[in-house]
């Protein structure tokens, strides 16, 4: 099972871009999926090596999500009990959707 990195203040790690970490509780940056790691050990290693600069990685938790993909969507986060981060991803998806994507 894949894992995501969570932080009590910042939510779920979406990913990195240009050396900046993006989190669901701060700004989804238009993304509607978050990065996953193959297992908890890989997620911890990433956190300790990449995110430790300026962040308290001891506060992080590593939550298992049911996906075989290198990413997880709102549905995966909801199933894992991560309601607020899932809501943030759904809002980002709606904000970036084209009107033609919504049909009755």
PDB file of N, CA and C in Angstrom:
ATOM      1  N   UNK A   1       0.835  -1.201   0.000  1.00  0.00           N
ATOM      2  CA  UNK A   1       0.000   0.000   0.000  1.00  0.00           C
ATOM      3  C   UNK A   1       0.871   1.252   0.000  1.00  0.00           C
ATOM      4  N   UNK A   2       0.412   2.246  -0.696  1.00  0.00           N
ATOM      5  CA  UNK A   2       1.123   3.518  -0.775  1.00  0.00           C
ATOM      6  C   UNK A   2       0.897   4.326   0.504  1.00  0.00           C
ATOM      7  N   UNK A   3       1.751   5.310   0.715  1.00  0.00           N
ATOM      8  CA  UNK A   3       1.640   6.191   1.873  1.00  0.00           C
ATOM      9  C   UNK A   3       1.734   7.649   1.439  1.00  0.00           C
ATOM     10  N   UNK A   4       1.078   8.520   2.209  1.00  0.00           N
ATOM     11  CA  UNK A   4       1.203   9.962   2.025  1.00  0.00           C
ATOM     12  C   UNK A   4       1.783  10.547   3.304  1.00  0.00           C
ATOM     13  N   UNK A   5       2.390  11.713   3.167  1.00  0.00           N
ATOM     14  CA  UNK A   5       2.958  12.417   4.317  1.00  0.00           C
ATOM     15  C   UNK A   5       1.955  13.460   4.772  1.00  0.00           C
ATOM     16  N   UNK A   6       1.655  13.456   6.075  1.00  0.00           N
ATOM     17  CA  UNK A   6       0.743  14.459   6.617  1.00  0.00           C
ATOM     18  C   UNK A   6       1.437  15.260   7.710  1.00  0.00           C
ATOM     19  N   UNK A   7       1.029  16.500   7.824  1.00  0.00           N
ATOM     20  CA  UNK A   7       1.539  17.402   8.851  1.00  0.00           C
ATOM     21  C   UNK A   7       0.324  18.038   9.520  1.00  0.00           C
ATOM     22  N   UNK A   8       0.307  18.129  10.855  1.00  0.00           N
ATOM     23  CA  UNK A   8      -0.886  18.656  11.532  1.00  0.00           C
ATOM     24  C   UNK A   8      -1.257  20.086  11.129  1.00  0.00           C
ATOM     25  N   UNK A   9      -0.289  20.897  10.761  1.00  0.00           N
ATOM     26  CA  UNK A   9      -0.585  22.281  10.378  1.00  0.00           C
ATOM     27  C   UNK A   9      -0.788  22.460   8.880  1.00  0.00           C
ATOM     28  N   UNK A  10      -0.082  21.686   8.071  1.00  0.00           N
ATOM     29  CA  UNK A  10      -0.071  21.915   6.629  1.00  0.00           C
ATOM     30  C   UNK A  10      -0.927  20.950   5.815  1.00  0.00           C
ATOM     31  N   UNK A  11      -1.401  19.895   6.422  1.00  0.00           N
ATOM     32  CA  UNK A  11      -2.220  18.926   5.697  1.00  0.00           C
ATOM     33  C   UNK A  11      -1.374  17.840   5.069  1.00  0.00           C
ATOM     34  N   UNK A  12      -1.750  17.417   3.871  1.00  0.00           N
ATOM     35  CA  UNK A  12      -1.051  16.349   3.144  1.00  0.00           C
ATOM     36  C   UNK A  12      -0.106  16.975   2.124  1.00  0.00           C
ATOM     37  N   UNK A  13       1.074  16.409   2.019  1.00  0.00           N
ATOM     38  CA  UNK A  13       2.038  16.887   1.033  1.00  0.00           C
ATOM     39  C   UNK A  13       1.511  16.616  -0.370  1.00  0.00           C
ATOM     40  N   UNK A  14       1.409  17.663  -1.171  1.00  0.00           N
ATOM     41  CA  UNK A  14       0.995  17.513  -2.569  1.00  0.00           C
ATOM     42  C   UNK A  14       2.204  17.124  -3.409  1.00  0.00           C
ATOM     43  N   UNK A  15       3.297  17.811  -3.207  1.00  0.00           N
ATOM     44  CA  UNK A  15       4.514  17.549  -3.953  1.00  0.00           C
ATOM     45  C   UNK A  15       5.456  18.731  -3.848  1.00  0.00           C
ATOM     46  N   UNK A  16       6.529  18.664  -4.601  1.00  0.00           N
ATOM     47  CA  UNK A  16       7.534  19.722  -4.619  1.00  0.00           C
ATOM     48  C   UNK A  16       7.645  20.314  -6.014  1.00  0.00           C
ATOM     49  N   UNK A  17       7.909  21.607  -6.056  1.00  0.00           N
ATOM     50  CA  UNK A  17       8.173  22.275  -7.318  1.00  0.00           C
ATOM     51  C   UNK A  17       9.150  23.404  -7.047  1.00  0.00           C
ATOM     52  N   UNK A  18      10.210  23.444  -7.798  1.00  0.00           N
ATOM     53  CA  UNK A  18      11.240  24.470  -7.651  1.00  0.00           C
ATOM     54  C   UNK A  18      11.722  24.597  -6.205  1.00  0.00           C
ATOM     55  N   UNK A  19      11.814  23.470  -5.531  1.00  0.00           N
ATOM     56  CA  UNK A  19      12.311  23.458  -4.157  1.00  0.00           C
ATOM     57  C   UNK A  19      11.281  23.825  -3.104  1.00  0.00           C
ATOM     58  N   UNK A  20      10.057  24.075  -3.503  1.00  0.00           N
ATOM     59  CA  UNK A  20       8.997  24.435  -2.556  1.00  0.00           C
ATOM     60  C   UNK A  20       8.060  23.258  -2.351  1.00  0.00           C
ATOM     61  N   UNK A  21       7.689  23.029  -1.098  1.00  0.00           N
ATOM     62  CA  UNK A  21       6.713  21.986  -0.781  1.00  0.00           C
ATOM     63  C   UNK A  21       5.316  22.600  -0.823  1.00  0.00           C
ATOM     64  N   UNK A  22       4.384  21.888  -1.427  1.00  0.00           N
ATOM     65  CA  UNK A  22       2.987  22.320  -1.477  1.00  0.00           C
ATOM     66  C   UNK A  22       2.155  21.360  -0.646  1.00  0.00           C
ATOM     67  N   UNK A  23       1.256  21.930   0.152  1.00  0.00           N
ATOM     68  CA  UNK A  23       0.448  21.171   1.103  1.00  0.00           C
ATOM     69  C   UNK A  23      -1.020  21.512   0.926  1.00  0.00           C
ATOM     70  N   UNK A  24      -1.887  20.559   1.225  1.00  0.00           N
ATOM     71  CA  UNK A  24      -3.325  20.751   1.018  1.00  0.00           C
ATOM     72  C   UNK A  24      -3.917  21.860   1.881  1.00  0.00           C
ATOM     73  N   UNK A  25      -3.405  22.094   3.080  1.00  0.00           N
ATOM     74  CA  UNK A  25      -3.979  23.117   3.953  1.00  0.00           C
ATOM     75  C   UNK A  25      -3.486  24.524   3.612  1.00  0.00           C
ATOM     76  N   UNK A  26      -2.493  24.625   2.750  1.00  0.00           N
ATOM     77  CA  UNK A  26      -1.946  25.941   2.404  1.00  0.00           C
ATOM     78  C   UNK A  26      -2.410  26.402   1.037  1.00  0.00           C
ATOM     79  N   UNK A  27      -2.005  25.684   0.010  1.00  0.00           N
ATOM     80  CA  UNK A  27      -2.374  26.045  -1.353  1.00  0.00           C
ATOM     81  C   UNK A  27      -2.167  24.817  -2.229  1.00  0.00           C
ATOM     82  N   UNK A  28      -3.227  24.329  -2.791  1.00  0.00           N
ATOM     83  CA  UNK A  28      -3.130  23.126  -3.627  1.00  0.00           C
ATOM     84  C   UNK A  28      -2.473  23.406  -4.971  1.00  0.00           C
ATOM     85  N   UNK A  29      -2.232  24.660  -5.272  1.00  0.00           N
ATOM     86  CA  UNK A  29      -1.554  25.053  -6.509  1.00  0.00           C
ATOM     87  C   UNK A  29      -2.215  24.439  -7.738  1.00  0.00           C
ATOM     88  N   UNK A  30      -3.539  24.306  -7.682  1.00  0.00           N
ATOM     89  CA  UNK A  30      -4.274  23.776  -8.821  1.00  0.00           C
ATOM     90  C   UNK A  30      -4.212  22.263  -8.972  1.00  0.00           C
ATOM     91  N   UNK A  31      -3.563  21.589  -8.051  1.00  0.00           N
ATOM     92  CA  UNK A  31      -3.422  20.136  -8.146  1.00  0.00           C
ATOM     93  C   UNK A  31      -4.614  19.438  -7.478  1.00  0.00           C
ATOM     94  N   UNK A  32      -5.055  18.343  -8.065  1.00  0.00           N
ATOM     95  CA  UNK A  32      -6.152  17.593  -7.456  1.00  0.00           C
ATOM     96  C   UNK A  32      -5.721  16.178  -7.058  1.00  0.00           C
ATOM     97  N   UNK A  33      -4.401  15.969  -7.015  1.00  0.00           N
ATOM     98  CA  UNK A  33      -3.845  14.704  -6.533  1.00  0.00           C
ATOM     99  C   UNK A  33      -2.596  15.011  -5.716  1.00  0.00           C
ATOM    100  N   UNK A  34      -2.243  14.089  -4.842  1.00  0.00           N
ATOM    101  CA  UNK A  34      -1.044  14.237  -4.025  1.00  0.00           C
ATOM    102  C   UNK A  34      -0.073  13.110  -4.355  1.00  0.00           C
ATOM    103  N   UNK A  35       1.199  13.358  -4.101  1.00  0.00           N
ATOM    104  CA  UNK A  35       2.201  12.316  -4.359  1.00  0.00           C
ATOM    105  C   UNK A  35       2.096  11.220  -3.293  1.00  0.00           C
ATOM    106  N   UNK A  36       2.457  10.015  -3.680  1.00  0.00           N
ATOM    107  CA  UNK A  36       2.491   8.900  -2.724  1.00  0.00           C
ATOM    108  C   UNK A  36       3.883   8.283  -2.744  1.00  0.00           C
ATOM    109  N   UNK A  37       4.127   7.487  -1.735  1.00  0.00           N
ATOM    110  CA  UNK A  37       5.390   6.774  -1.590  1.00  0.00           C
ATOM    111  C   UNK A  37       5.080   5.292  -1.469  1.00  0.00           C
ATOM    112  N   UNK A  38       6.004   4.453  -1.930  1.00  0.00           N
ATOM    113  CA  UNK A  38       5.752   3.012  -1.957  1.00  0.00           C
ATOM    114  C   UNK A  38       5.438   2.429  -0.588  1.00  0.00           C
ATOM    115  N   UNK A  39       6.093   2.949   0.445  1.00  0.00           N
ATOM    116  CA  UNK A  39       5.845   2.451   1.798  1.00  0.00           C
ATOM    117  C   UNK A  39       6.208   3.543   2.801  1.00  0.00           C
ATOM    118  N   UNK A  40       5.967   3.263   4.064  1.00  0.00           N
ATOM    119  CA  UNK A  40       6.220   4.255   5.102  1.00  0.00           C
ATOM    120  C   UNK A  40       7.708   4.604   5.192  1.00  0.00           C
ATOM    121  N   UNK A  41       8.571   3.618   5.013  1.00  0.00           N
ATOM    122  CA  UNK A  41      10.013   3.867   5.091  1.00  0.00           C
ATOM    123  C   UNK A  41      10.464   4.856   4.016  1.00  0.00           C
ATOM    124  N   UNK A  42       9.947   4.699   2.798  1.00  0.00           N
ATOM    125  CA  UNK A  42      10.306   5.628   1.720  1.00  0.00           C
ATOM    126  C   UNK A  42       9.800   7.037   2.030  1.00  0.00           C
ATOM    127  N   UNK A  43       8.583   7.143   2.571  1.00  0.00           N
ATOM    128  CA  UNK A  43       8.021   8.448   2.926  1.00  0.00           C
ATOM    129  C   UNK A  43       8.851   9.120   4.027  1.00  0.00           C
ATOM    130  N   UNK A  44       9.232   8.360   5.044  1.00  0.00           N
ATOM    131  CA  UNK A  44      10.052   8.914   6.131  1.00  0.00           C
ATOM    132  C   UNK A  44      11.413   9.357   5.619  1.00  0.00           C
ATOM    133  N   UNK A  45      12.005   8.556   4.768  1.00  0.00           N
ATOM    134  CA  UNK A  45      13.306   8.895   4.212  1.00  0.00           C
ATOM    135  C   UNK A  45      13.220  10.195   3.411  1.00  0.00           C
ATOM    136  N   UNK A  46      12.182  10.337   2.600  1.00  0.00           N
ATOM    137  CA  UNK A  46      11.968  11.562   1.823  1.00  0.00           C
ATOM    138  C   UNK A  46      11.808  12.753   2.766  1.00  0.00           C
ATOM    139  N   UNK A  47      10.993  12.584   3.794  1.00  0.00           N
ATOM    140  CA  UNK A  47      10.757  13.678   4.739  1.00  0.00           C
ATOM    141  C   UNK A  47      12.048  14.096   5.428  1.00  0.00           C
ATOM    142  N   UNK A  48      12.818  13.134   5.875  1.00  0.00           N
ATOM    143  CA  UNK A  48      14.048  13.446   6.602  1.00  0.00           C
ATOM    144  C   UNK A  48      15.115  14.061   5.710  1.00  0.00           C
ATOM    145  N   UNK A  49      15.178  13.646   4.461  1.00  0.00           N
ATOM    146  CA  UNK A  49      16.216  14.160   3.574  1.00  0.00           C
ATOM    147  C   UNK A  49      15.813  15.443   2.844  1.00  0.00           C
ATOM    148  N   UNK A  50      14.543  15.567   2.493  1.00  0.00           N
ATOM    149  CA  UNK A  50      14.112  16.687   1.647  1.00  0.00           C
ATOM    150  C   UNK A  50      13.332  17.746   2.427  1.00  0.00           C
ATOM    151  N   UNK A  51      12.433  17.327   3.305  1.00  0.00           N
ATOM    152  CA  UNK A  51      11.548  18.276   3.982  1.00  0.00           C
ATOM    153  C   UNK A  51      12.081  18.780   5.315  1.00  0.00           C
ATOM    154  N   UNK A  52      13.130  18.170   5.839  1.00  0.00           N
ATOM    155  CA  UNK A  52      13.633  18.511   7.172  1.00  0.00           C
ATOM    156  C   UNK A  52      14.166  19.936   7.260  1.00  0.00           C
ATOM    157  N   UNK A  53      14.518  20.525   6.148  1.00  0.00           N
ATOM    158  CA  UNK A  53      15.050  21.885   6.147  1.00  0.00           C
ATOM    159  C   UNK A  53      13.937  22.873   6.503  1.00  0.00           C
ATOM    160  N   UNK A  54      13.890  23.267   7.753  1.00  0.00           N
ATOM    161  CA  UNK A  54      12.904  24.251   8.192  1.00  0.00           C
ATOM    162  C   UNK A  54      11.583  23.687   8.664  1.00  0.00           C
ATOM    163  N   UNK A  55      11.426  22.363   8.675  1.00  0.00           N
ATOM    164  CA  UNK A  55      10.169  21.764   9.133  1.00  0.00           C
ATOM    165  C   UNK A  55      10.446  20.753  10.239  1.00  0.00           C
ATOM    166  N   UNK A  56       9.487  20.603  11.126  1.00  0.00           N
ATOM    167  CA  UNK A  56       9.594  19.629  12.210  1.00  0.00           C
ATOM    168  C   UNK A  56       9.037  18.295  11.723  1.00  0.00           C
ATOM    169  N   UNK A  57       9.893  17.460  11.157  1.00  0.00           N
ATOM    170  CA  UNK A  57       9.426  16.198  10.591  1.00  0.00           C
ATOM    171  C   UNK A  57       8.962  15.219  11.660  1.00  0.00           C
ATOM    172  N   UNK A  58       9.297  15.481  12.932  1.00  0.00           N
ATOM    173  CA  UNK A  58       8.822  14.590  13.999  1.00  0.00           C
ATOM    174  C   UNK A  58       7.306  14.694  14.174  1.00  0.00           C
ATOM    175  N   UNK A  59       6.710  15.772  13.670  1.00  0.00           N
ATOM    176  CA  UNK A  59       5.256  15.960  13.757  1.00  0.00           C
ATOM    177  C   UNK A  59       4.519  15.256  12.617  1.00  0.00           C
ATOM    178  N   UNK A  60       5.249  14.817  11.602  1.00  0.00           N
ATOM    179  CA  UNK A  60       4.618  14.176  10.453  1.00  0.00           C
ATOM    180  C   UNK A  60       4.061  12.812  10.821  1.00  0.00           C
ATOM    181  N   UNK A  61       2.986  12.442  10.119  1.00  0.00           N
ATOM    182  CA  UNK A  61       2.485  11.071  10.178  1.00  0.00           C
ATOM    183  C   UNK A  61       2.465  10.550   8.747  1.00  0.00           C
ATOM    184  N   UNK A  62       2.481   9.250   8.642  1.00  0.00           N
ATOM    185  CA  UNK A  62       2.551   8.596   7.339  1.00  0.00           C
ATOM    186  C   UNK A  62       1.332   7.689   7.236  1.00  0.00           C
ATOM    187  N   UNK A  63       0.410   8.078   6.377  1.00  0.00           N
ATOM    188  CA  UNK A  63      -0.891   7.425   6.310  1.00  0.00           C
ATOM    189  C   UNK A  63      -0.962   6.539   5.066  1.00  0.00           C
ATOM    190  N   UNK A  64      -1.432   5.331   5.270  1.00  0.00           N
ATOM    191  CA  UNK A  64      -1.589   4.376   4.177  1.00  0.00           C
ATOM    192  C   UNK A  64      -2.820   4.734   3.347  1.00  0.00           C
ATOM    193  N   UNK A  65      -2.650   4.745   2.033  1.00  0.00           N
ATOM    194  CA  UNK A  65      -3.761   4.989   1.110  1.00  0.00           C
ATOM    195  C   UNK A  65      -3.836   3.837   0.117  1.00  0.00           C
ATOM    196  N   UNK A  66      -5.046   3.516  -0.276  1.00  0.00           N
ATOM    197  CA  UNK A  66      -5.282   2.363  -1.142  1.00  0.00           C
ATOM    198  C   UNK A  66      -5.170   2.755  -2.612  1.00  0.00           C
ATOM    199  N   UNK A  67      -3.944   2.819  -3.108  1.00  0.00           N
ATOM    200  CA  UNK A  67      -3.701   3.088  -4.517  1.00  0.00           C
ATOM    201  C   UNK A  67      -2.377   2.451  -4.920  1.00  0.00           C
ATOM    202  N   UNK A  68      -2.313   2.017  -6.151  1.00  0.00           N
ATOM    203  CA  UNK A  68      -1.065   1.468  -6.688  1.00  0.00           C
ATOM    204  C   UNK A  68      -0.370   2.504  -7.568  1.00  0.00           C
ATOM    205  N   UNK A  69      -0.982   3.665  -7.707  1.00  0.00           N
ATOM    206  CA  UNK A  69      -0.447   4.736  -8.544  1.00  0.00           C
ATOM    207  C   UNK A  69       0.570   5.566  -7.759  1.00  0.00           C
ATOM    208  N   UNK A  70       1.365   6.370  -8.431  1.00  0.00           N
ATOM    209  CA  UNK A  70       2.298   7.255  -7.724  1.00  0.00           C
ATOM    210  C   UNK A  70       1.612   8.530  -7.212  1.00  0.00           C
ATOM    211  N   UNK A  71       0.291   8.512  -7.183  1.00  0.00           N
ATOM    212  CA  UNK A  71      -0.483   9.655  -6.709  1.00  0.00           C
ATOM    213  C   UNK A  71      -1.785   9.149  -6.081  1.00  0.00           C
ATOM    214  N   UNK A  72      -2.397  10.018  -5.299  1.00  0.00           N
ATOM    215  CA  UNK A  72      -3.688   9.695  -4.686  1.00  0.00           C
ATOM    216  C   UNK A  72      -4.621  10.878  -4.881  1.00  0.00           C
ATOM    217  N   UNK A  73      -5.872  10.585  -5.162  1.00  0.00           N
ATOM    218  CA  UNK A  73      -6.879  11.621  -5.335  1.00  0.00           C
ATOM    219  C   UNK A  73      -7.723  11.773  -4.080  1.00  0.00           C
ATOM    220  N   UNK A  74      -8.711  12.634  -4.178  1.00  0.00           N
ATOM    221  CA  UNK A  74      -9.586  12.896  -3.036  1.00  0.00           C
ATOM    222  C   UNK A  74     -10.274  11.629  -2.546  1.00  0.00           C
ATOM    223  N   UNK A  75     -10.674  10.755  -3.473  1.00  0.00           N
ATOM    224  CA  UNK A  75     -11.340   9.520  -3.066  1.00  0.00           C
ATOM    225  C   UNK A  75     -10.435   8.645  -2.207  1.00  0.00           C
ATOM    226  N   UNK A  76      -9.161   8.574  -2.543  1.00  0.00           N
ATOM    227  CA  UNK A  76      -8.213   7.784  -1.758  1.00  0.00           C
ATOM    228  C   UNK A  76      -8.021   8.388  -0.364  1.00  0.00           C
ATOM    229  N   UNK A  77      -7.936   9.719  -0.316  1.00  0.00           N
ATOM    230  CA  UNK A  77      -7.758  10.376   0.976  1.00  0.00           C
ATOM    231  C   UNK A  77      -8.981  10.205   1.856  1.00  0.00           C
ATOM    232  N   UNK A  78     -10.166  10.292   1.265  1.00  0.00           N
ATOM    233  CA  UNK A  78     -11.393  10.084   2.053  1.00  0.00           C
ATOM    234  C   UNK A  78     -11.429   8.688   2.665  1.00  0.00           C
ATOM    235  N   UNK A  79     -11.091   7.682   1.864  1.00  0.00           N
ATOM    236  CA  UNK A  79     -11.077   6.301   2.369  1.00  0.00           C
ATOM    237  C   UNK A  79     -10.072   6.113   3.495  1.00  0.00           C
ATOM    238  N   UNK A  80      -9.013   6.927   3.494  1.00  0.00           N
ATOM    239  CA  UNK A  80      -7.991   6.840   4.534  1.00  0.00           C
ATOM    240  C   UNK A  80      -8.332   7.713   5.743  1.00  0.00           C
ATOM    241  N   UNK A  81      -9.484   8.399   5.689  1.00  0.00           N
ATOM    242  CA  UNK A  81      -9.912   9.231   6.813  1.00  0.00           C
ATOM    243  C   UNK A  81      -9.347  10.634   6.801  1.00  0.00           C
ATOM    244  N   UNK A  82      -8.781  11.060   5.707  1.00  0.00           N
ATOM    245  CA  UNK A  82      -8.196  12.396   5.584  1.00  0.00           C
ATOM    246  C   UNK A  82      -9.204  13.326   4.909  1.00  0.00           C
ATOM    247  N   UNK A  83     -10.217  13.716   5.654  1.00  0.00           N
ATOM    248  CA  UNK A  83     -11.362  14.446   5.099  1.00  0.00           C
ATOM    249  C   UNK A  83     -10.992  15.854   4.640  1.00  0.00           C
ATOM    250  N   UNK A  84     -10.364  16.647   5.495  1.00  0.00           N
ATOM    251  CA  UNK A  84     -10.046  18.029   5.120  1.00  0.00           C
ATOM    252  C   UNK A  84      -9.100  18.101   3.918  1.00  0.00           C
ATOM    253  N   UNK A  85      -8.039  17.290   3.888  1.00  0.00           N
ATOM    254  CA  UNK A  85      -7.191  17.311   2.680  1.00  0.00           C
ATOM    255  C   UNK A  85      -7.951  16.884   1.421  1.00  0.00           C
ATOM    256  N   UNK A  86      -8.854  15.927   1.550  1.00  0.00           N
ATOM    257  CA  UNK A  86      -9.653  15.497   0.400  1.00  0.00           C
ATOM    258  C   UNK A  86     -10.533  16.644  -0.079  1.00  0.00           C
ATOM    259  N   UNK A  87     -11.130  17.375   0.851  1.00  0.00           N
ATOM    260  CA  UNK A  87     -11.961  18.526   0.487  1.00  0.00           C
ATOM    261  C   UNK A  87     -11.140  19.577  -0.253  1.00  0.00           C
ATOM    262  N   UNK A  88      -9.910  19.803   0.190  1.00  0.00           N
ATOM    263  CA  UNK A  88      -9.045  20.786  -0.470  1.00  0.00           C
ATOM    264  C   UNK A  88      -8.760  20.371  -1.915  1.00  0.00           C
ATOM    265  N   UNK A  89      -8.514  19.079  -2.127  1.00  0.00           N
ATOM    266  CA  UNK A  89      -8.261  18.599  -3.489  1.00  0.00           C
ATOM    267  C   UNK A  89      -9.500  18.748  -4.367  1.00  0.00           C
ATOM    268  N   UNK A  90     -10.674  18.463  -3.795  1.00  0.00           N
ATOM    269  CA  UNK A  90     -11.910  18.605  -4.570  1.00  0.00           C
ATOM    270  C   UNK A  90     -12.159  20.062  -4.933  1.00  0.00           C
ATOM    271  N   UNK A  91     -11.879  20.981  -4.002  1.00  0.00           N
ATOM    272  CA  UNK A  91     -12.028  22.408  -4.311  1.00  0.00           C
ATOM    273  C   UNK A  91     -11.075  22.819  -5.429  1.00  0.00           C
ATOM    274  N   UNK A  92      -9.835  22.338  -5.367  1.00  0.00           N
ATOM    275  CA  UNK A  92      -8.858  22.668  -6.417  1.00  0.00           C
ATOM    276  C   UNK A  92      -9.315  22.141  -7.767  1.00  0.00           C
ATOM    277  N   UNK A  93      -9.888  20.949  -7.770  1.00  0.00           N
ATOM    278  CA  UNK A  93     -10.358  20.373  -9.024  1.00  0.00           C
ATOM    279  C   UNK A  93     -11.514  21.191  -9.597  1.00  0.00           C
ATOM    280  N   UNK A  94     -12.438  21.594  -8.734  1.00  0.00           N
ATOM    281  CA  UNK A  94     -13.572  22.399  -9.197  1.00  0.00           C
ATOM    282  C   UNK A  94     -13.124  23.773  -9.696  1.00  0.00           C
ATOM    283  N   UNK A  95     -12.182  24.383  -9.003  1.00  0.00           N
ATOM    284  CA  UNK A  95     -11.704  25.705  -9.391  1.00  0.00           C
ATOM    285  C   UNK A  95     -11.017  25.690 -10.753  1.00  0.00           C
ATOM    286  N   UNK A  96     -10.463  24.557 -11.129  1.00  0.00           N
ATOM    287  CA  UNK A  96      -9.714  24.467 -12.379  1.00  0.00           C
ATOM    288  C   UNK A  96     -10.462  23.747 -13.492  1.00  0.00           C
ATOM    289  N   UNK A  97     -11.691  23.375 -13.235  1.00  0.00           N
ATOM    290  CA  UNK A  97     -12.467  22.636 -14.240  1.00  0.00           C
ATOM    291  C   UNK A  97     -13.039  23.590 -15.289  1.00  0.00           C
ATOM    292  N   UNK A  98     -13.156  23.081 -16.463  1.00  0.00           N
ATOM    293  CA  UNK A  98     -13.804  23.819 -17.543  1.00  0.00           C
ATOM    294  C   UNK A  98     -15.318  23.637 -17.401  1.00  0.00           C
ATOM    295  N   UNK A  99     -16.110  24.637 -17.751  1.00  0.00           N
ATOM    296  CA  UNK A  99     -17.568  24.506 -17.647  1.00  0.00           C
ATOM    297  C   UNK A  99     -18.110  23.284 -18.392  1.00  0.00           C
ATOM    298  N   UNK A 100     -17.471  22.891 -19.485  1.00  0.00           N
ATOM    299  CA  UNK A 100     -17.956  21.746 -20.248  1.00  0.00           C
ATOM    300  C   UNK A 100     -17.776  20.424 -19.505  1.00  0.00           C
ATOM    301  N   UNK A 101     -17.002  20.416 -18.413  1.00  0.00           N
ATOM    302  CA  UNK A 101     -16.788  19.189 -17.657  1.00  0.00           C
ATOM    303  C   UNK A 101     -17.976  18.876 -16.741  1.00  0.00           C
ATOM    304  N   UNK A 102     -18.866  19.831 -16.574  1.00  0.00           N
ATOM    305  CA  UNK A 102     -20.029  19.639 -15.714  1.00  0.00           C
ATOM    306  C   UNK A 102     -21.267  19.468 -16.584  1.00  0.00           C
ATOM    307  N   UNK A 103     -21.868  18.327 -16.501  1.00  0.00           N
ATOM    308  CA  UNK A 103     -23.069  18.045 -17.292  1.00  0.00           C
ATOM    309  C   UNK A 103     -24.165  17.505 -16.396  1.00  0.00           C
ATOM    310  N   UNK A 104     -25.359  17.834 -16.736  1.00  0.00           N
ATOM    311  CA  UNK A 104     -26.527  17.329 -15.981  1.00  0.00           C
ATOM    312  C   UNK A 104     -27.084  16.123 -16.661  1.00  0.00           C
TER     313      UNK A 104
END
